[in-house]
Amino acid sequence: MGFLRLSLAAIVLLGHLGRPFFFATGGIAVCCFYIISGFYIQLLLSQPDLKVRNFYLSRAFRIYPLYWLFFVIRSPFLKSLFALLHAGQFKLTLIYAFNNLFLFGQDVLRLTQYNQQSGDIAPILYSAQLKEGYVLGQHLTIFGQSWTLAIELMFYLIAPLLLSLSTRTLSLLLCIFILTKAYLIEAGLFASPWFSNFFPIELGFFIAGALGYRAYSAMQQRGWHKHHAYQAAACIFLIVILASLTSSLEQSTIYVIATCATAAGVPFLFGACRYNLFDRRLGDLSYPIYISHMTVFMFLRHQFEPLDIKYGGAIYISGVLLASIVAYLLIERPVDRWRHQRFPTHTQIAS
């Protein structure tokens, strides 16, 4: 499943470059990441002797070291922070500092607007219609993509309790999520930040992934074979690709097809590639690419403005790959080895 994770990270990268891959957008890729996360976290929490303390600490060391590395690199944060302090906006300064250091709450900021002069904060209602003199709360974050990590951390926080619920209860919650999403699409709020940035709304993807692992576990007990996994995964993702090439489909329809197919296909793809070391190494690059690509983009834009249109994309992608490989070898891989030893979760399959 590493190739899928790498592909989703590449879709986000290309989307921010302004070159979406076929149907795909960064928003769709992020939702598919949530599904994969639910699958892996359910795998972890299914271990009979797993200590919840180890789970939380392992997840923290999975997210924060690489994030903080690029956080330090993004020096413009300090300029913005000192500007707020100089303006006397201590409330905004505290919000800015906490959200950027620890990630929690960054998704909430995307649902708000703030006035830099008065320090007032108000919610965005339905669509991004701003009050006079207000700007989007997402301007208080230094990473454009890090709000998704805030949602991911919330998944981790509630996972031990949530995923202890019965399959029937989780299925009921998933149905409620599906109906809520369908209502928002029908109401014309597909482009609203409340559709994709609100943690309770996105929780359904995580639940779908967890149910996917339970289905995988049940199929294993019935003695399924690997070639069945390959066949099923290939058929499901072929449907997605064919649907994506149909330009007449609306983006909301593609969103539904892609996420549903991912939820259905992940158990089979995992079964087919579970012990493939090369596939896993590909997946290991997904998080470094995801967290580094905007930093590389800003660096290149600052150093080579204007960036050559013909070769700019190639330079950007090459820079992201180089930064990701270096970050993986120097930071993520050593930290991963240490956290697996220090906070064992009794599986080497999940990330």
Protein backbone atom coordinates (compact mmCIF):
# COMPACT_ATOMS: atom_id res chain seq x y z
CA MET A 1 0.00 0.00 0.00
CA GLY A 2 3.07 2.20 0.02
CA PHE A 3 2.68 3.01 -3.66
CA LEU A 4 -0.84 4.31 -2.99
CA ARG A 5 0.39 6.51 -0.15
CA LEU A 6 3.21 7.87 -2.31
CA SER A 7 0.75 8.54 -5.15
CA LEU A 8 -1.58 10.46 -2.84
CA ALA A 9 1.32 12.61 -1.60
CA ALA A 10 2.30 13.25 -5.24
CA ILE A 11 -1.28 14.31 -6.03
CA VAL A 12 -1.12 16.91 -3.25
CA LEU A 13 2.25 18.10 -4.54
CA LEU A 14 1.02 18.42 -8.13
CA GLY A 15 -2.18 20.09 -6.96
CA HIS A 16 -0.23 22.83 -5.19
CA LEU A 17 1.87 23.18 -8.33
CA GLY A 18 -1.33 23.87 -10.23
CA ARG A 19 -1.16 20.64 -12.23
CA PRO A 20 -3.75 18.22 -10.88
CA PHE A 21 -3.34 14.59 -11.88
CA PHE A 22 -6.36 13.63 -14.04
CA PHE A 23 -9.37 13.94 -11.75
CA ALA A 24 -7.46 14.16 -8.52
CA THR A 25 -7.21 17.12 -6.20
CA GLY A 26 -5.35 17.54 -2.96
CA GLY A 27 -8.66 17.46 -1.08
CA ILE A 28 -9.57 14.03 -2.45
CA ALA A 29 -6.07 12.71 -1.73
CA VAL A 30 -6.28 13.91 1.88
CA CYS A 31 -9.59 12.10 2.42
CA CYS A 32 -8.02 8.91 1.06
CA PHE A 33 -5.14 9.40 3.51
CA TYR A 34 -7.69 9.51 6.35
CA ILE A 35 -9.08 6.16 5.19
CA ILE A 36 -5.62 4.59 5.13
CA SER A 37 -4.92 6.04 8.57
CA GLY A 38 -8.08 4.47 9.99
CA PHE A 39 -7.05 1.11 8.54
CA TYR A 40 -3.54 1.24 10.05
CA ILE A 41 -4.66 2.56 13.44
CA GLN A 42 -7.27 -0.19 13.75
CA LEU A 43 -4.50 -2.67 12.90
CA LEU A 44 -2.35 -1.24 15.69
CA LEU A 45 -5.13 -1.13 18.26
CA SER A 46 -6.14 -4.71 17.45
CA GLN A 47 -2.92 -5.96 19.03
CA PRO A 48 -4.02 -7.74 22.24
CA ASP A 49 -1.15 -6.51 24.42
CA LEU A 50 -0.85 -2.96 23.09
CA LYS A 51 -0.31 -0.30 25.74
CA VAL A 52 -2.30 2.87 25.07
CA ARG A 53 0.60 4.96 26.41
CA ASN A 54 2.90 3.43 23.80
CA PHE A 55 0.32 4.10 21.11
CA TYR A 56 0.08 7.81 21.91
CA LEU A 57 3.82 8.34 22.24
CA SER A 58 4.56 6.37 19.08
CA ARG A 59 2.06 8.47 17.12
CA ALA A 60 3.50 11.71 18.51
CA PHE A 61 7.03 10.76 17.47
CA ARG A 62 5.63 9.76 14.08
CA ILE A 63 4.29 13.26 13.39
CA TYR A 64 6.27 15.87 15.30
CA PRO A 65 10.03 15.39 14.60
CA LEU A 66 9.77 15.92 10.85
CA TYR A 67 7.14 18.62 11.28
CA TRP A 68 9.33 20.54 13.72
CA LEU A 69 12.31 20.23 11.38
CA PHE A 70 10.49 22.08 8.60
CA PHE A 71 8.87 24.35 11.17
CA VAL A 72 12.33 25.63 12.09
CA ILE A 73 13.21 26.03 8.42
CA ARG A 74 10.15 28.19 7.84
CA SER A 75 11.65 31.37 9.32
CA PRO A 76 8.78 33.63 8.06
CA PHE A 77 6.80 32.31 11.03
CA LEU A 78 8.96 34.32 13.41
CA LYS A 79 8.42 37.50 11.41
CA SER A 80 4.65 37.05 11.53
CA LEU A 81 4.72 36.22 15.22
CA PHE A 82 6.79 39.28 16.12
CA ALA A 83 4.54 41.44 13.97
CA LEU A 84 1.52 40.33 16.01
CA LEU A 85 3.39 40.94 19.25
CA HIS A 86 4.43 44.40 18.08
CA ALA A 87 0.79 45.18 17.28
CA GLY A 88 -0.20 44.19 20.80
CA GLN A 89 -2.34 41.25 19.70
CA PHE A 90 -1.42 38.86 22.51
CA LYS A 91 -4.48 36.66 22.04
CA LEU A 92 -3.71 36.09 18.39
CA THR A 93 -0.04 35.60 19.24
CA LEU A 94 -0.87 32.81 21.69
CA ILE A 95 -3.24 31.15 19.21
CA TYR A 96 -0.66 31.48 16.45
CA ALA A 97 2.18 30.08 18.56
CA PHE A 98 0.23 27.15 20.04
CA ASN A 99 -1.37 26.05 16.78
CA ASN A 100 1.88 26.16 14.85
CA LEU A 101 3.96 24.45 17.52
CA PHE A 102 1.57 21.64 18.42
CA LEU A 103 -0.79 21.50 15.40
CA PHE A 104 -3.95 20.99 17.47
CA GLY A 105 -6.59 23.49 16.40
CA GLN A 106 -5.23 24.32 12.97
CA ASP A 107 -8.30 22.77 11.36
CA VAL A 108 -10.50 25.02 13.51
CA LEU A 109 -8.59 28.09 12.32
CA ARG A 110 -9.68 27.28 8.76
CA LEU A 111 -13.27 27.71 9.90
CA THR A 112 -12.65 31.16 11.34
CA GLN A 113 -11.84 34.70 10.29
CA TYR A 114 -9.95 37.26 12.32
CA ASN A 115 -9.35 40.98 12.45
CA GLN A 116 -5.66 41.72 12.86
CA GLN A 117 -6.35 45.23 14.15
CA SER A 118 -8.86 44.41 16.86
CA GLY A 119 -7.91 40.77 17.47
CA ASP A 120 -11.54 39.65 17.10
CA ILE A 121 -12.19 36.11 15.84
CA ALA A 122 -15.46 34.95 14.25
CA PRO A 123 -16.60 31.74 12.52
CA ILE A 124 -16.99 31.46 8.77
CA LEU A 125 -20.61 30.63 8.01
CA TYR A 126 -21.31 28.24 5.14
CA SER A 127 -18.83 29.67 2.65
CA ALA A 128 -15.75 31.83 2.88
CA GLN A 129 -17.74 35.08 3.09
CA LEU A 130 -15.65 37.43 5.19
CA LYS A 131 -16.62 40.38 7.31
CA GLU A 132 -15.19 43.72 6.33
CA GLY A 133 -11.64 44.06 7.65
CA TYR A 134 -11.31 40.34 8.40
CA VAL A 135 -9.03 37.74 6.83
CA LEU A 136 -9.14 33.95 6.84
CA GLY A 137 -7.92 32.26 10.01
CA GLN A 138 -5.78 29.91 7.96
CA HIS A 139 -3.38 32.82 7.52
CA LEU A 140 -2.32 32.13 11.12
CA THR A 141 -0.67 28.88 10.04
CA ILE A 142 2.77 28.64 8.45
CA PHE A 143 2.11 25.37 6.59
CA GLY A 144 -0.76 25.45 4.15
CA GLN A 145 -1.23 21.69 4.45
CA SER A 146 -0.62 21.13 8.17
CA TRP A 147 -4.29 21.53 9.16
CA THR A 148 -4.76 17.96 7.95
CA LEU A 149 -2.23 16.82 10.54
CA ALA A 150 -4.32 18.53 13.21
CA ILE A 151 -7.29 16.40 12.14
CA GLU A 152 -5.06 13.32 12.07
CA LEU A 153 -3.90 14.00 15.63
CA MET A 154 -7.52 14.26 16.74
CA PHE A 155 -8.13 10.84 15.18
CA TYR A 156 -5.24 9.46 17.21
CA LEU A 157 -6.50 11.12 20.37
CA ILE A 158 -9.92 9.46 20.30
CA ALA A 159 -8.94 6.25 18.49
CA PRO A 160 -8.47 3.98 21.54
CA LEU A 161 -12.02 4.78 22.67
CA LEU A 162 -13.67 5.08 19.26
CA LEU A 163 -12.21 1.89 17.81
CA SER A 164 -13.20 -0.11 20.87
CA LEU A 165 -16.81 0.22 19.73
CA SER A 166 -18.54 -2.67 18.02
CA THR A 167 -18.59 -3.02 14.26
CA ARG A 168 -22.32 -2.42 14.28
CA THR A 169 -21.93 0.87 16.16
CA LEU A 170 -19.12 2.04 13.86
CA SER A 171 -21.22 1.12 10.84
CA LEU A 172 -24.08 3.22 12.20
CA LEU A 173 -21.72 6.17 12.71
CA LEU A 174 -20.45 5.71 9.15
CA CYS A 175 -24.02 5.83 7.82
CA ILE A 176 -24.63 9.08 9.70
CA PHE A 177 -21.44 10.49 8.19
CA ILE A 178 -22.48 9.45 4.66
CA LEU A 179 -25.91 11.06 5.06
CA THR A 180 -24.34 14.26 6.40
CA LYS A 181 -21.93 14.47 3.48
CA ALA A 182 -24.75 13.79 1.03
CA TYR A 183 -26.83 16.57 2.59
CA LEU A 184 -23.97 19.08 2.35
CA ILE A 185 -23.39 18.19 -1.31
CA GLU A 186 -27.11 18.49 -2.06
CA ALA A 187 -27.22 21.84 -0.26
CA GLY A 188 -24.48 23.17 -2.52
CA LEU A 189 -21.86 23.34 0.22
CA PHE A 190 -19.29 21.05 -1.41
CA ALA A 191 -16.83 23.95 -1.66
CA SER A 192 -17.54 25.17 1.87
CA PRO A 193 -14.72 24.83 4.43
CA TRP A 194 -17.22 23.09 6.71
CA PHE A 195 -17.41 20.24 4.19
CA SER A 196 -13.74 19.28 4.35
CA ASN A 197 -12.09 21.12 7.26
CA PHE A 198 -14.45 20.20 10.11
CA PHE A 199 -13.10 17.32 12.21
CA PRO A 200 -16.45 15.57 13.01
CA ILE A 201 -17.33 15.57 9.30
CA GLU A 202 -13.99 14.02 8.30
CA LEU A 203 -14.15 11.39 11.05
CA GLY A 204 -16.24 9.15 8.80
CA PHE A 205 -13.25 8.48 6.54
CA PHE A 206 -11.22 7.29 9.52
CA ILE A 207 -14.09 5.02 10.58
CA ALA A 208 -14.38 3.64 7.03
CA GLY A 209 -10.70 2.70 7.12
CA ALA A 210 -11.09 1.02 10.51
CA LEU A 211 -14.02 -1.03 9.22
CA GLY A 212 -11.86 -1.93 6.23
CA TYR A 213 -9.30 -3.51 8.52
CA ARG A 214 -12.01 -5.45 10.35
CA ALA A 215 -13.24 -6.74 6.98
CA TYR A 216 -9.66 -7.69 6.06
CA SER A 217 -9.21 -9.55 9.34
CA ALA A 218 -12.47 -11.44 8.81
CA MET A 219 -11.47 -12.42 5.28
CA GLN A 220 -8.10 -13.65 6.51
CA GLN A 221 -9.81 -15.94 9.00
CA ARG A 222 -11.79 -17.42 6.11
CA GLY A 223 -8.59 -18.31 4.26
CA TRP A 224 -8.53 -15.86 1.37
CA HIS A 225 -5.64 -15.99 -1.11
CA LYS A 226 -3.27 -13.25 -2.19
CA HIS A 227 -4.21 -13.49 -5.88
CA HIS A 228 -7.79 -12.64 -4.93
CA ALA A 229 -6.46 -9.50 -3.26
CA TYR A 230 -4.58 -8.44 -6.39
CA GLN A 231 -7.63 -9.01 -8.57
CA ALA A 232 -10.02 -7.13 -6.33
CA ALA A 233 -7.66 -4.19 -5.81
CA ALA A 234 -6.97 -3.93 -9.55
CA CYS A 235 -10.68 -3.95 -10.43
CA ILE A 236 -11.59 -1.31 -7.86
CA PHE A 237 -8.85 1.12 -8.81
CA LEU A 238 -9.50 0.56 -12.53
CA ILE A 239 -13.04 1.77 -11.91
CA VAL A 240 -11.64 4.91 -10.28
CA ILE A 241 -9.27 5.66 -13.15
CA LEU A 242 -11.96 5.12 -15.80
CA ALA A 243 -14.40 7.31 -13.89
CA SER A 244 -11.76 9.99 -13.44
CA LEU A 245 -11.19 10.23 -17.18
CA THR A 246 -14.85 11.02 -17.73
CA SER A 247 -14.63 14.79 -17.74
CA SER A 248 -18.41 15.22 -17.66
CA LEU A 249 -18.54 14.09 -14.04
CA GLU A 250 -18.79 16.78 -11.41
CA GLN A 251 -16.03 17.13 -8.85
CA SER A 252 -18.36 16.06 -6.05
CA THR A 253 -19.16 12.85 -7.96
CA ILE A 254 -15.48 12.09 -8.45
CA TYR A 255 -14.98 12.77 -4.73
CA VAL A 256 -17.57 10.13 -3.85
CA ILE A 257 -16.24 7.57 -6.34
CA ALA A 258 -12.59 7.99 -5.31
CA THR A 259 -13.18 7.82 -1.56
CA CYS A 260 -15.60 4.90 -1.76
CA ALA A 261 -13.25 2.96 -4.02
CA THR A 262 -10.32 3.64 -1.69
CA ALA A 263 -12.30 2.44 1.32
CA ALA A 264 -13.28 -0.72 -0.56
CA GLY A 265 -9.87 -1.34 -2.11
CA VAL A 266 -7.49 -0.71 0.79
CA PRO A 267 -8.10 -4.09 2.52
CA PHE A 268 -7.31 -5.94 -0.71
CA LEU A 269 -4.32 -3.76 -1.55
CA PHE A 270 -2.92 -4.23 1.94
CA GLY A 271 -3.37 -8.00 1.69
CA ALA A 272 -1.55 -8.06 -1.63
CA CYS A 273 1.39 -5.87 -0.59
CA ARG A 274 1.68 -6.40 3.14
CA TYR A 275 5.08 -8.10 3.06
CA ASN A 276 6.50 -6.20 0.08
CA LEU A 277 9.49 -4.29 1.47
CA PHE A 278 9.97 -2.18 -1.67
CA ASP A 279 6.35 -1.06 -1.55
CA ARG A 280 6.76 -0.13 2.10
CA ARG A 281 9.86 1.96 1.37
CA LEU A 282 7.90 3.87 -1.26
CA GLY A 283 5.25 4.61 1.34
CA ASP A 284 7.90 5.82 3.78
CA LEU A 285 8.51 8.81 1.50
CA SER A 286 4.88 9.94 1.53
CA TYR A 287 5.03 11.92 4.79
CA PRO A 288 8.37 13.65 4.02
CA ILE A 289 6.99 14.68 0.62
CA TYR A 290 3.74 15.87 2.14
CA ILE A 291 5.35 17.97 4.86
CA SER A 292 8.26 19.38 2.82
CA HIS A 293 6.80 20.30 -0.54
CA MET A 294 5.45 23.75 0.33
CA THR A 295 8.71 24.71 2.04
CA VAL A 296 10.65 23.73 -1.08
CA PHE A 297 8.19 25.68 -3.22
CA MET A 298 8.61 28.84 -1.14
CA PHE A 299 12.41 28.49 -1.17
CA LEU A 300 12.53 28.12 -4.94
CA ARG A 301 10.14 31.00 -5.48
CA HIS A 302 12.25 33.21 -3.24
CA GLN A 303 15.56 32.19 -4.83
CA PHE A 304 14.54 31.98 -8.49
CA GLU A 305 11.64 34.36 -8.93
CA PRO A 306 10.30 34.17 -11.56
CA LEU A 307 10.85 30.41 -11.90
CA ASP A 308 11.20 29.26 -15.50
CA ILE A 309 7.82 28.04 -16.66
CA LYS A 310 9.19 25.25 -18.85
CA TYR A 311 11.55 23.74 -16.29
CA GLY A 312 10.08 25.08 -13.06
CA GLY A 313 7.92 22.03 -12.41
CA ALA A 314 10.82 19.63 -12.89
CA ILE A 315 13.05 21.70 -10.60
CA TYR A 316 10.30 21.83 -7.97
CA ILE A 317 9.62 18.08 -8.04
CA SER A 318 13.35 17.27 -7.98
CA GLY A 319 13.83 19.59 -5.02
CA VAL A 320 10.96 17.99 -3.12
CA LEU A 321 12.30 14.49 -3.76
CA LEU A 322 15.81 15.48 -2.65
CA ALA A 323 14.53 17.20 0.51
CA SER A 324 12.25 14.25 1.29
CA ILE A 325 14.95 11.61 0.88
CA VAL A 326 17.40 13.58 3.03
CA ALA A 327 14.76 14.19 5.71
CA TYR A 328 13.77 10.53 5.67
CA LEU A 329 17.34 9.22 5.97
CA LEU A 330 18.53 11.73 8.57
CA ILE A 331 15.40 12.24 10.67
CA GLU A 332 12.43 10.01 10.04
CA ARG A 333 14.11 6.62 9.66
CA PRO A 334 16.29 6.92 12.81
CA VAL A 335 13.31 8.23 14.79
CA ASP A 336 11.12 5.38 13.50
CA ARG A 337 13.65 2.79 14.62
CA TRP A 338 13.92 4.43 18.03
CA ARG A 339 10.16 4.77 18.60
CA HIS A 340 9.51 1.15 17.60
CA GLN A 341 12.09 0.07 20.18
CA ARG A 342 11.10 2.51 22.90
CA PHE A 343 7.32 2.42 22.41
CA PRO A 344 6.61 -0.97 20.81
CA THR A 345 3.22 -1.47 19.20
CA HIS A 346 3.96 -5.14 18.38
CA THR A 347 3.72 -4.77 14.63
CA GLN A 348 6.18 -3.67 12.00
CA ILE A 349 3.57 -3.42 9.25
CA ALA A 350 1.86 -0.17 10.24
CA SER A 351 3.68 3.11 9.85
